[in-house]
Amino acid sequence: MNTKQSCEAGIRTSGLANAGSNLSGGAISRREAVRRGLLGAAGLMLADGLVLRSLAAAPSTKSGAKAKAVIQIWLWGGACHLDTFDPKPAAGNDYSGSLNNPIETNIPGIKIGELLPLLAKQADKYSLIRSMTHGNNGHETAAYMVQTGRPPGGRDVYPCVGAVVSLFKGYEAGYKGLLPPYIVLTEPQGRFSEAGFLGSRHKPFATGGDPGQLRFAVEGVVAPGLSDQRQKDRRELLHKLNTLDHTLKGDARLVALAQTENQAYDLILGDAGKVFDLSTEKDDLRERYGRNKFGQSCLVARRLVEKGVPYITINYNGWDTHKQHFQTMRRKLPELDKGLATLLQDLSERGLLDSTIVWCCGEFGRTPKIQWEPPWSGGRGHYGKVFSALVAGGGFKGGHVVGASDAKGEEVKDRPVYPVDLLGSMYELLGIDPEAKLPHPLGQVARVTGTEAEGVTTSGRLKEIM
């Protein structure tokens, strides 16, 4: 349920839907109807806050954490490791196709795909994991595994890493920002329930809109076709028409409602909401990020980190390339290259990379052997046996490669890395105890990361790059 739906539900519950009658069935005045509705809504807000505070687990993080924030670049659909971070030109045309000329990076001995020249110049800032594995080829189940570190099919739906960070770094942990602690640019991921049993409080705020447009129409913050001045004028008119402040002056419920209104307008018209306005950025920097949805999302993500938002996901879709794979790669890989390389450089230049984890991968890879036969005609299928991930910042070392796939990229050859290994490593860098308990709605024992006894396969934390 989004903010608008929550407000509408609150109004319905408060009695505005039946505001034309009193308890005995008689008619009441319009003023009385409005009064009851506002008091009911304010009361709901207060009650909701009290309930949440009483249920909060008051989670704590360990001292000495290296990372304060995470930017997740989610390659929705699954990118091919052979075309990106684990090229295999010697495997031949049936594996590499037309992308058979990998390029050297600024770290001797590390090569990446030929369509990533800008990232090749930044290899000292990131490490590559070439042995990610879970063996699952279904979008929904693989996405759940990579983002929760848990096998699918259990009795509980566990929260993804963003929701866990929201719990341990968000409002229950003292976060004071008006911006939500877990933000997705721009579309909801939709492959699974991100918050799991933690509930709607830890669902991400999906912005909607397109930051590449002249005006980034963030849902609930920027009203399409409505200027800031007109919004201010409407607010002033509303206050002029409001007589309840005089009738019930000092009422705690109205005070709570006024505080909520002030926070909402500060987000819409104040400094907090300005984080989404890219017109203040220099044109040359925006060009470096790429004048497209993904590139400008990377720029917004950097601005959100500057504002103290602890978890941001860039939901970068379009990687499910069963057909026209190489045509799509020649369009998408240059976008990924510009956006991600500039993000790493920009964070580094601003002194933010040391405290910001950047991780980039999808739910799985794609079949190393190209499917030349109809109807695919040069496509790649789903592949969970082995795939790659990029990690940078927040305590992760740069210029390293973890693990290896075999000569054709079909099997893990060395140092398998399971989703829980990567997530557990990030939690440690964030100061979140991987063994910490999560608040379970039924009071059952649930921890941040699972164990082998729960069917979670692990080979250990990524200590070689931490």
Protein backbone atom coordinates (compact mmCIF):
# COMPACT_ATOMS: atom_id res chain seq x y z
CA MET A 1 0.00 0.00 0.00
CA ASN A 2 1.48 3.37 -0.97
CA THR A 3 1.19 6.66 0.91
CA LYS A 4 -1.85 7.79 -1.04
CA GLN A 5 -3.64 4.49 -0.46
CA SER A 6 -2.79 4.61 3.25
CA CYS A 7 -4.26 8.10 3.57
CA GLU A 8 -7.40 7.08 1.70
CA ALA A 9 -7.78 4.02 3.92
CA GLY A 10 -7.34 6.21 7.00
CA ILE A 11 -10.04 8.60 5.83
CA ARG A 12 -12.43 5.72 5.18
CA THR A 13 -11.70 4.18 8.56
CA SER A 14 -12.06 7.50 10.36
CA GLY A 15 -15.70 7.77 9.36
CA LEU A 16 -15.69 10.32 6.54
CA ALA A 17 -17.41 7.78 4.33
CA ASN A 18 -20.37 7.92 6.73
CA ALA A 19 -19.99 11.54 7.77
CA GLY A 20 -23.56 12.43 6.84
CA SER A 21 -25.08 10.84 9.95
CA ASN A 22 -24.45 10.79 13.67
CA LEU A 23 -24.50 7.78 15.98
CA SER A 24 -28.28 7.88 16.27
CA GLY A 25 -28.75 8.05 12.54
CA GLY A 26 -29.55 11.78 12.33
CA ALA A 27 -27.90 14.24 10.00
CA ILE A 28 -24.90 16.26 11.15
CA SER A 29 -23.49 19.50 9.84
CA ARG A 30 -20.80 19.66 7.17
CA ARG A 31 -18.47 21.30 9.67
CA GLU A 32 -19.00 18.46 12.14
CA ALA A 33 -18.33 15.90 9.40
CA VAL A 34 -15.02 17.55 8.52
CA ARG A 35 -14.10 17.84 12.20
CA ARG A 36 -14.73 14.13 12.79
CA GLY A 37 -12.80 13.16 9.70
CA LEU A 38 -9.73 15.20 10.59
CA LEU A 39 -9.72 14.06 14.19
CA GLY A 40 -10.10 10.46 13.09
CA ALA A 41 -7.23 10.74 10.62
CA ALA A 42 -5.00 12.43 13.19
CA GLY A 43 -5.91 9.78 15.73
CA LEU A 44 -5.03 7.03 13.29
CA MET A 45 -1.65 8.61 12.67
CA LEU A 46 -0.95 8.84 16.38
CA ALA A 47 -2.16 5.30 16.99
CA ASP A 48 -0.13 3.98 14.08
CA GLY A 49 2.99 5.65 15.44
CA LEU A 50 2.41 4.28 18.93
CA VAL A 51 1.89 0.75 17.63
CA LEU A 52 5.01 0.89 15.49
CA ARG A 53 7.09 2.20 18.37
CA SER A 54 5.79 -0.50 20.69
CA LEU A 55 6.55 -3.25 18.18
CA ALA A 56 9.95 -1.89 17.12
CA ALA A 57 12.84 -4.19 17.91
CA ALA A 58 15.16 -1.22 18.51
CA PRO A 59 17.90 -2.90 16.44
CA SER A 60 21.46 -1.84 16.92
CA THR A 61 24.53 -1.98 14.71
CA LYS A 62 28.08 -2.79 15.67
CA SER A 63 30.60 -0.03 16.20
CA GLY A 64 33.35 0.39 13.62
CA ALA A 65 31.13 -0.11 10.57
CA LYS A 66 32.89 0.90 7.36
CA ALA A 67 29.77 1.44 5.25
CA LYS A 68 26.93 3.88 5.87
CA ALA A 69 24.95 3.36 2.67
CA VAL A 70 24.36 0.93 -0.19
CA ILE A 71 23.62 1.54 -3.85
CA GLN A 72 22.34 -1.63 -5.49
CA ILE A 73 22.29 -1.79 -9.27
CA TRP A 74 19.88 -4.57 -10.03
CA LEU A 75 20.23 -5.94 -13.58
CA TRP A 76 16.66 -7.15 -13.73
CA GLY A 77 16.39 -10.18 -16.00
CA GLY A 78 19.99 -11.33 -15.64
CA ALA A 79 23.04 -10.05 -17.54
CA CYS A 80 25.45 -12.44 -19.25
CA HIS A 81 28.78 -12.81 -17.46
CA LEU A 82 30.62 -13.58 -20.71
CA ASP A 83 29.61 -10.22 -22.20
CA THR A 84 30.37 -8.19 -19.07
CA PHE A 85 32.74 -9.19 -16.25
CA ASP A 86 33.96 -12.69 -17.25
CA PRO A 87 34.73 -12.75 -21.00
CA LYS A 88 35.74 -16.05 -22.64
CA PRO A 89 37.02 -15.29 -26.17
CA ALA A 90 38.89 -18.59 -26.40
CA ALA A 91 35.60 -20.48 -26.05
CA GLY A 92 34.75 -19.57 -29.63
CA ASN A 93 31.91 -18.03 -31.57
CA ASP A 94 29.22 -20.27 -30.05
CA TYR A 95 29.96 -18.67 -26.67
CA SER A 96 31.31 -15.18 -27.31
CA GLY A 97 29.50 -14.39 -30.54
CA SER A 98 30.41 -10.97 -31.87
CA LEU A 99 31.65 -9.76 -28.46
CA ASN A 100 34.96 -11.57 -28.61
CA ASN A 101 37.51 -8.81 -27.94
CA PRO A 102 37.77 -8.22 -24.18
CA ILE A 103 39.75 -5.20 -23.05
CA GLU A 104 42.44 -4.66 -20.46
CA THR A 105 41.56 -2.73 -17.33
CA ASN A 106 43.81 -0.44 -15.33
CA ILE A 107 44.63 -3.48 -13.18
CA PRO A 108 47.09 -5.80 -14.99
CA GLY A 109 45.63 -9.22 -15.67
CA ILE A 110 41.97 -8.24 -15.34
CA LYS A 111 39.96 -8.01 -18.56
CA ILE A 112 36.29 -7.19 -19.03
CA GLY A 113 33.84 -6.96 -21.94
CA GLU A 114 34.77 -4.76 -24.89
CA LEU A 115 31.68 -2.54 -24.50
CA LEU A 116 32.76 -1.42 -21.01
CA PRO A 117 35.78 0.85 -21.70
CA LEU A 118 34.98 3.40 -18.99
CA LEU A 119 34.62 0.73 -16.32
CA ALA A 120 37.94 -0.69 -17.52
CA LYS A 121 39.57 2.56 -16.38
CA GLN A 122 37.98 2.25 -12.91
CA ALA A 123 38.93 -1.35 -12.05
CA ASP A 124 41.06 -0.18 -9.13
CA LYS A 125 37.81 0.91 -7.45
CA TYR A 126 35.89 -2.39 -7.67
CA SER A 127 36.31 -6.12 -7.38
CA LEU A 128 34.68 -8.78 -9.53
CA ILE A 129 33.11 -11.96 -8.23
CA ARG A 130 33.22 -14.46 -11.09
CA SER A 131 31.85 -17.46 -9.22
CA MET A 132 28.41 -16.40 -8.02
CA THR A 133 26.11 -19.42 -8.01
CA HIS A 134 22.79 -20.78 -6.78
CA GLY A 135 21.65 -23.07 -9.61
CA ASN A 136 18.14 -21.65 -9.95
CA ASN A 137 16.83 -20.53 -13.35
CA GLY A 138 13.48 -18.97 -12.40
CA HIS A 139 13.25 -15.17 -12.30
CA GLU A 140 11.17 -14.91 -9.12
CA THR A 141 12.90 -17.67 -7.16
CA ALA A 142 16.40 -16.62 -8.24
CA ALA A 143 15.71 -12.98 -7.39
CA TYR A 144 14.48 -14.04 -3.96
CA MET A 145 17.64 -16.10 -3.40
CA VAL A 146 20.05 -13.35 -4.45
CA GLN A 147 18.34 -10.61 -2.46
CA THR A 148 17.54 -12.55 0.72
CA GLY A 149 20.25 -15.23 0.77
CA ARG A 150 17.54 -17.84 1.42
CA PRO A 151 16.23 -20.78 -0.59
CA PRO A 152 12.69 -20.39 -1.91
CA GLY A 153 9.76 -22.41 -0.67
CA GLY A 154 10.08 -22.03 3.09
CA ARG A 155 7.20 -21.23 5.41
CA ASP A 156 8.33 -17.61 5.76
CA VAL A 157 8.96 -14.91 3.18
CA TYR A 158 12.19 -13.29 4.35
CA PRO A 159 13.02 -9.62 3.80
CA CYS A 160 15.50 -8.63 1.12
CA VAL A 161 18.75 -6.86 1.98
CA GLY A 162 17.22 -3.42 1.43
CA ALA A 163 14.45 -4.08 3.94
CA VAL A 164 16.94 -5.46 6.47
CA VAL A 165 19.06 -2.31 6.12
CA SER A 166 15.88 -0.26 6.51
CA LEU A 167 15.25 -2.05 9.82
CA PHE A 168 18.76 -1.66 11.20
CA LYS A 169 19.59 1.75 9.70
CA GLY A 170 16.11 3.28 9.39
CA TYR A 171 13.63 4.92 11.73
CA GLU A 172 13.80 2.25 14.43
CA ALA A 173 17.55 2.83 14.58
CA GLY A 174 17.34 6.60 14.87
CA TYR A 175 17.20 7.67 11.23
CA LYS A 176 15.72 11.18 11.12
CA GLY A 177 15.52 11.92 7.41
CA LEU A 178 12.27 12.89 5.69
CA LEU A 179 13.31 10.78 2.71
CA PRO A 180 12.42 7.09 3.19
CA PRO A 181 15.40 4.93 4.25
CA TYR A 182 14.86 2.47 1.37
CA ILE A 183 14.26 3.94 -2.08
CA VAL A 184 13.93 2.26 -5.48
CA LEU A 185 14.66 4.11 -8.69
CA THR A 186 12.31 3.99 -10.44
CA GLU A 187 10.01 0.96 -10.86
CA PRO A 188 9.06 -1.55 -8.15
CA GLN A 189 11.07 -4.72 -8.59
CA GLY A 190 7.96 -6.85 -8.60
CA ARG A 191 9.70 -10.21 -8.53
CA PHE A 192 9.01 -10.89 -4.84
CA SER A 193 7.83 -9.23 -1.65
CA GLU A 194 10.84 -7.10 -0.75
CA ALA A 195 9.85 -6.53 2.89
CA GLY A 196 8.78 -10.11 3.59
CA PHE A 197 7.49 -10.64 7.11
CA LEU A 198 8.89 -7.25 8.23
CA GLY A 199 5.77 -5.74 6.70
CA SER A 200 4.89 -2.64 4.74
CA ARG A 201 6.91 -0.28 6.96
CA HIS A 202 10.06 -1.66 5.34
CA LYS A 203 8.87 -1.81 1.76
CA PRO A 204 10.85 0.46 -0.54
CA PHE A 205 9.54 3.78 -1.77
CA ALA A 206 9.48 3.42 -5.57
CA THR A 207 9.79 6.85 -7.16
CA GLY A 208 8.18 6.12 -10.52
CA GLY A 209 8.90 8.69 -13.20
CA ASP A 210 12.06 9.14 -15.24
CA PRO A 211 14.97 11.24 -13.93
CA GLY A 212 16.11 11.65 -17.53
CA GLN A 213 13.09 13.84 -18.27
CA LEU A 214 13.08 17.62 -17.90
CA ARG A 215 11.10 17.27 -14.63
CA PHE A 216 11.52 14.10 -12.60
CA ALA A 217 7.90 13.33 -11.63
CA VAL A 218 8.49 11.46 -8.37
CA GLU A 219 5.25 9.81 -7.25
CA GLY A 220 3.75 11.63 -4.28
CA VAL A 221 6.41 14.37 -4.36
CA VAL A 222 6.15 16.03 -7.77
CA ALA A 223 2.64 16.55 -9.14
CA PRO A 224 2.62 16.44 -12.96
CA GLY A 225 1.41 19.73 -14.41
CA LEU A 226 1.44 21.50 -11.05
CA SER A 227 4.10 24.09 -10.27
CA ASP A 228 5.65 24.56 -6.83
CA GLN A 229 4.05 28.00 -6.58
CA ARG A 230 0.60 26.60 -7.26
CA GLN A 231 1.12 23.98 -4.58
CA LYS A 232 2.10 26.72 -2.13
CA ASP A 233 -0.99 28.73 -3.09
CA ARG A 234 -3.23 25.72 -2.52
CA ARG A 235 -1.73 25.16 0.90
CA GLU A 236 -2.30 28.79 1.88
CA LEU A 237 -5.92 28.57 0.72
CA LEU A 238 -6.43 25.39 2.74
CA HIS A 239 -5.14 27.12 5.86
CA LYS A 240 -7.44 30.09 5.31
CA LEU A 241 -10.43 27.74 5.10
CA ASN A 242 -9.38 25.76 8.18
CA THR A 243 -11.32 26.90 11.27
CA LEU A 244 -10.66 23.83 13.42
CA ASP A 245 -7.35 25.22 14.67
CA HIS A 246 -9.33 27.95 16.39
CA THR A 247 -12.14 25.68 17.61
CA LEU A 248 -9.82 22.98 19.01
CA LYS A 249 -6.66 24.97 19.60
CA GLY A 250 -3.92 22.87 21.21
CA ASP A 251 -5.66 19.52 20.60
CA ALA A 252 -2.92 16.85 20.50
CA ARG A 253 -4.48 15.12 17.52
CA LEU A 254 -4.52 18.30 15.46
CA VAL A 255 -0.94 19.04 16.50
CA ALA A 256 0.07 15.60 15.21
CA LEU A 257 -1.80 16.22 11.98
CA ALA A 258 -0.08 19.60 11.57
CA GLN A 259 3.33 17.98 12.09
CA THR A 260 2.52 15.38 9.45
CA GLU A 261 1.41 18.09 7.05
CA ASN A 262 4.58 20.11 7.65
CA GLN A 263 6.76 17.07 7.00
CA ALA A 264 4.84 16.24 3.82
CA TYR A 265 5.18 19.77 2.47
CA ASP A 266 8.85 19.90 3.44
CA LEU A 267 9.37 16.81 1.34
CA ILE A 268 7.40 18.26 -1.58
CA LEU A 269 8.58 21.87 -1.47
CA GLY A 270 11.52 21.93 0.95
CA ASP A 271 15.17 20.91 0.73
CA ALA A 272 14.48 17.17 1.12
CA GLY A 273 12.50 16.95 -2.11
CA LYS A 274 15.09 18.99 -4.01
CA VAL A 275 17.30 15.91 -4.08
CA PHE A 276 15.24 14.74 -7.08
CA ASP A 277 15.74 18.00 -9.01
CA LEU A 278 18.70 17.38 -11.29
CA SER A 279 18.52 20.83 -12.90
CA THR A 280 21.02 22.03 -10.28
CA GLU A 281 23.69 19.63 -11.56
CA LYS A 282 26.20 20.74 -14.20
CA ASP A 283 25.37 19.67 -17.74
CA ASP A 284 28.77 18.07 -18.30
CA LEU A 285 28.32 15.79 -15.27
CA ARG A 286 24.85 14.78 -16.42
CA GLU A 287 26.31 13.97 -19.84
CA ARG A 288 29.02 11.85 -18.23
CA TYR A 289 26.37 9.81 -16.40
CA GLY A 290 24.41 9.41 -19.63
CA ARG A 291 21.24 11.24 -20.62
CA ASN A 292 19.05 8.20 -20.14
CA LYS A 293 16.92 6.74 -17.39
CA PHE A 294 19.67 4.55 -15.95
CA GLY A 295 22.44 7.14 -16.09
CA GLN A 296 20.35 9.83 -14.43
CA SER A 297 19.15 7.30 -11.83
CA CYS A 298 22.80 6.77 -10.89
CA LEU A 299 23.15 10.52 -10.40
CA VAL A 300 20.03 10.64 -8.22
CA ALA A 301 21.41 7.71 -6.20
CA ARG A 302 24.58 9.66 -5.46
CA ARG A 303 22.49 12.63 -4.31
CA LEU A 304 20.40 10.37 -2.06
CA VAL A 305 23.57 9.04 -0.43
CA GLU A 306 24.62 12.62 0.23
CA LYS A 307 21.27 13.15 1.97
CA GLY A 308 21.92 10.18 4.25
CA VAL A 309 19.55 7.61 2.70
CA PRO A 310 20.98 4.22 3.74
CA TYR A 311 19.70 2.00 0.90
CA ILE A 312 19.01 2.80 -2.74
CA THR A 313 18.20 0.32 -5.49
CA ILE A 314 18.43 1.22 -9.17
CA ASN A 315 16.10 -1.23 -10.84
CA TYR A 316 17.69 -1.45 -14.29
CA ASN A 317 15.55 -3.79 -16.38
CA GLY A 318 15.81 -5.10 -19.92
CA TRP A 319 18.41 -7.87 -19.47
CA ASP A 320 16.14 -10.86 -20.19
CA THR A 321 17.55 -11.34 -23.68
CA HIS A 322 16.15 -14.59 -25.05
CA LYS A 323 16.10 -12.95 -28.47
CA GLN A 324 18.16 -10.20 -30.12
CA HIS A 325 20.72 -10.59 -27.39
CA PHE A 326 23.69 -8.95 -29.07
CA GLN A 327 21.63 -6.11 -30.51
CA THR A 328 20.38 -5.38 -26.99
CA MET A 329 23.87 -5.61 -25.47
CA ARG A 330 25.23 -3.04 -27.92
CA ARG A 331 22.59 -0.63 -26.62
CA LYS A 332 22.53 -1.46 -22.90
CA LEU A 333 26.18 -2.12 -22.11
CA PRO A 334 27.31 1.40 -23.10
CA GLU A 335 24.55 2.78 -20.83
CA LEU A 336 25.73 0.58 -17.95
CA ASP A 337 29.33 1.56 -18.64
CA LYS A 338 28.73 5.32 -18.52
CA GLY A 339 26.36 5.30 -15.55
CA LEU A 340 28.25 2.91 -13.28
CA ALA A 341 31.76 4.15 -14.12
CA THR A 342 30.75 7.77 -13.52
CA LEU A 343 28.98 6.84 -10.29
CA LEU A 344 32.13 5.19 -8.93
CA GLN A 345 34.31 8.11 -9.96
CA ASP A 346 31.86 10.71 -8.65
CA LEU A 347 31.50 8.98 -5.29
CA SER A 348 35.27 8.67 -5.04
CA GLU A 349 35.91 12.33 -5.87
CA ARG A 350 33.39 13.41 -3.22
CA GLY A 351 34.89 11.19 -0.55
CA LEU A 352 31.78 8.99 -0.41
CA LEU A 353 33.00 5.72 -1.93
CA ASP A 354 34.79 4.58 1.23
CA SER A 355 31.46 4.66 3.10
CA THR A 356 29.13 3.55 0.27
CA ILE A 357 28.81 -0.02 -0.96
CA VAL A 358 27.99 -0.35 -4.65
CA TRP A 359 26.96 -3.79 -5.86
CA CYS A 360 25.84 -4.72 -9.34
CA CYS A 361 24.34 -8.00 -10.52
CA GLY A 362 21.07 -9.63 -11.52
CA GLU A 363 19.20 -12.69 -10.34
CA PHE A 364 21.40 -14.97 -12.46
CA GLY A 365 23.53 -14.99 -15.59
CA ARG A 366 22.66 -16.20 -19.05
CA THR A 367 23.51 -19.36 -20.93
CA PRO A 368 27.18 -19.23 -21.96
CA LYS A 369 26.40 -21.15 -25.13
CA ILE A 370 24.41 -18.99 -27.52
CA GLN A 371 21.05 -20.33 -28.65
CA TRP A 372 21.40 -19.89 -32.39
CA GLU A 373 18.42 -22.10 -33.26
CA PRO A 374 14.92 -20.68 -33.94
CA PRO A 375 12.99 -19.11 -32.36
CA TRP A 376 15.87 -17.65 -30.31
CA SER A 377 18.16 -16.94 -33.28
CA GLY A 378 21.12 -15.71 -31.26
CA GLY A 379 19.66 -15.35 -27.77
CA ARG A 380 20.74 -16.46 -24.32
CA GLY A 381 18.59 -18.23 -21.73
CA HIS A 382 18.52 -18.13 -17.91
CA TYR A 383 21.61 -19.46 -16.13
CA GLY A 384 22.01 -19.78 -12.37
CA LYS A 385 24.98 -22.17 -12.28
CA VAL A 386 27.53 -19.39 -12.51
CA PHE A 387 27.34 -15.63 -12.97
CA SER A 388 29.23 -12.48 -11.99
CA ALA A 389 28.82 -9.56 -9.60
CA LEU A 390 30.68 -6.28 -9.15
CA VAL A 391 31.26 -4.85 -5.66
CA ALA A 392 32.90 -1.59 -4.67
CA GLY A 393 33.31 0.80 -1.76
CA GLY A 394 32.17 0.67 1.84
CA GLY A 395 35.07 -1.52 2.86
CA PHE A 396 35.31 -3.70 -0.23
CA LYS A 397 38.78 -3.59 -1.80
CA GLY A 398 39.23 -2.65 -5.44
CA GLY A 399 41.30 -4.30 -8.14
CA HIS A 400 40.63 -7.93 -7.22
CA VAL A 401 38.89 -10.96 -8.72
CA VAL A 402 37.17 -13.51 -6.50
CA GLY A 403 36.60 -17.03 -7.83
CA ALA A 404 36.60 -18.29 -11.39
CA SER A 405 34.39 -20.06 -13.88
CA ASP A 406 35.63 -22.76 -16.24
CA ALA A 407 36.96 -22.20 -19.75
CA LYS A 408 33.48 -21.77 -21.23
CA GLY A 409 31.84 -20.05 -18.29
CA GLU A 410 29.53 -23.00 -17.67
CA GLU A 411 30.61 -24.15 -14.20
CA VAL A 412 32.26 -22.71 -11.11
CA LYS A 413 35.92 -23.66 -11.27
CA ASP A 414 37.17 -22.04 -8.09
CA ARG A 415 35.76 -20.46 -4.90
CA PRO A 416 31.97 -20.68 -5.26
CA VAL A 417 30.23 -17.61 -3.82
CA TYR A 418 26.61 -18.07 -2.76
CA PRO A 419 24.14 -15.21 -2.27
CA VAL A 420 24.36 -15.45 1.53
CA ASP A 421 28.15 -15.04 1.33
CA LEU A 422 27.82 -11.73 -0.51
CA LEU A 423 24.94 -10.43 1.60
CA GLY A 424 26.57 -11.49 4.86
CA SER A 425 29.74 -9.65 3.85
CA MET A 426 27.77 -6.48 3.13
CA TYR A 427 25.96 -6.74 6.46
CA GLU A 428 29.28 -6.99 8.29
CA LEU A 429 30.62 -3.90 6.52
CA LEU A 430 27.44 -2.06 7.48
CA GLY A 431 27.88 -3.05 11.11
CA ILE A 432 24.84 -5.34 11.02
CA ASP A 433 25.37 -8.62 12.82
CA PRO A 434 24.48 -11.40 10.33
CA GLU A 435 23.35 -13.48 13.31
CA ALA A 436 21.09 -10.76 14.73
CA LYS A 437 17.44 -11.61 15.26
CA LEU A 438 14.71 -10.20 13.06
CA PRO A 439 11.31 -9.29 14.56
CA HIS A 440 9.05 -12.15 13.48
CA PRO A 441 5.27 -11.52 13.56
CA LEU A 442 4.68 -14.89 15.27
CA GLY A 443 7.58 -14.55 17.66
CA GLN A 444 9.61 -17.26 15.96
CA VAL A 445 13.41 -17.12 15.80
CA ALA A 446 14.54 -15.55 12.54
CA ARG A 447 17.99 -14.19 11.85
CA VAL A 448 19.47 -11.75 9.35
CA THR A 449 21.24 -14.55 7.49
CA GLY A 450 20.35 -18.22 7.49
CA THR A 451 22.39 -21.30 8.30
CA GLU A 452 23.09 -24.60 6.59
CA ALA A 453 20.59 -26.20 8.97
CA GLU A 454 17.93 -24.03 7.29
CA GLY A 455 18.97 -25.15 3.81
CA VAL A 456 21.23 -22.13 3.15
CA THR A 457 24.36 -23.04 1.20
CA THR A 458 27.44 -21.01 2.08
CA SER A 459 31.18 -21.01 1.58
CA GLY A 460 31.95 -18.11 3.89
CA ARG A 461 32.34 -14.32 3.89
CA LEU A 462 34.36 -12.50 1.24
CA LYS A 463 37.28 -11.85 3.58
CA GLU A 464 39.75 -11.69 0.67
CA ILE A 465 38.25 -8.39 -0.47
CA MET A 466 37.12 -6.95 2.90
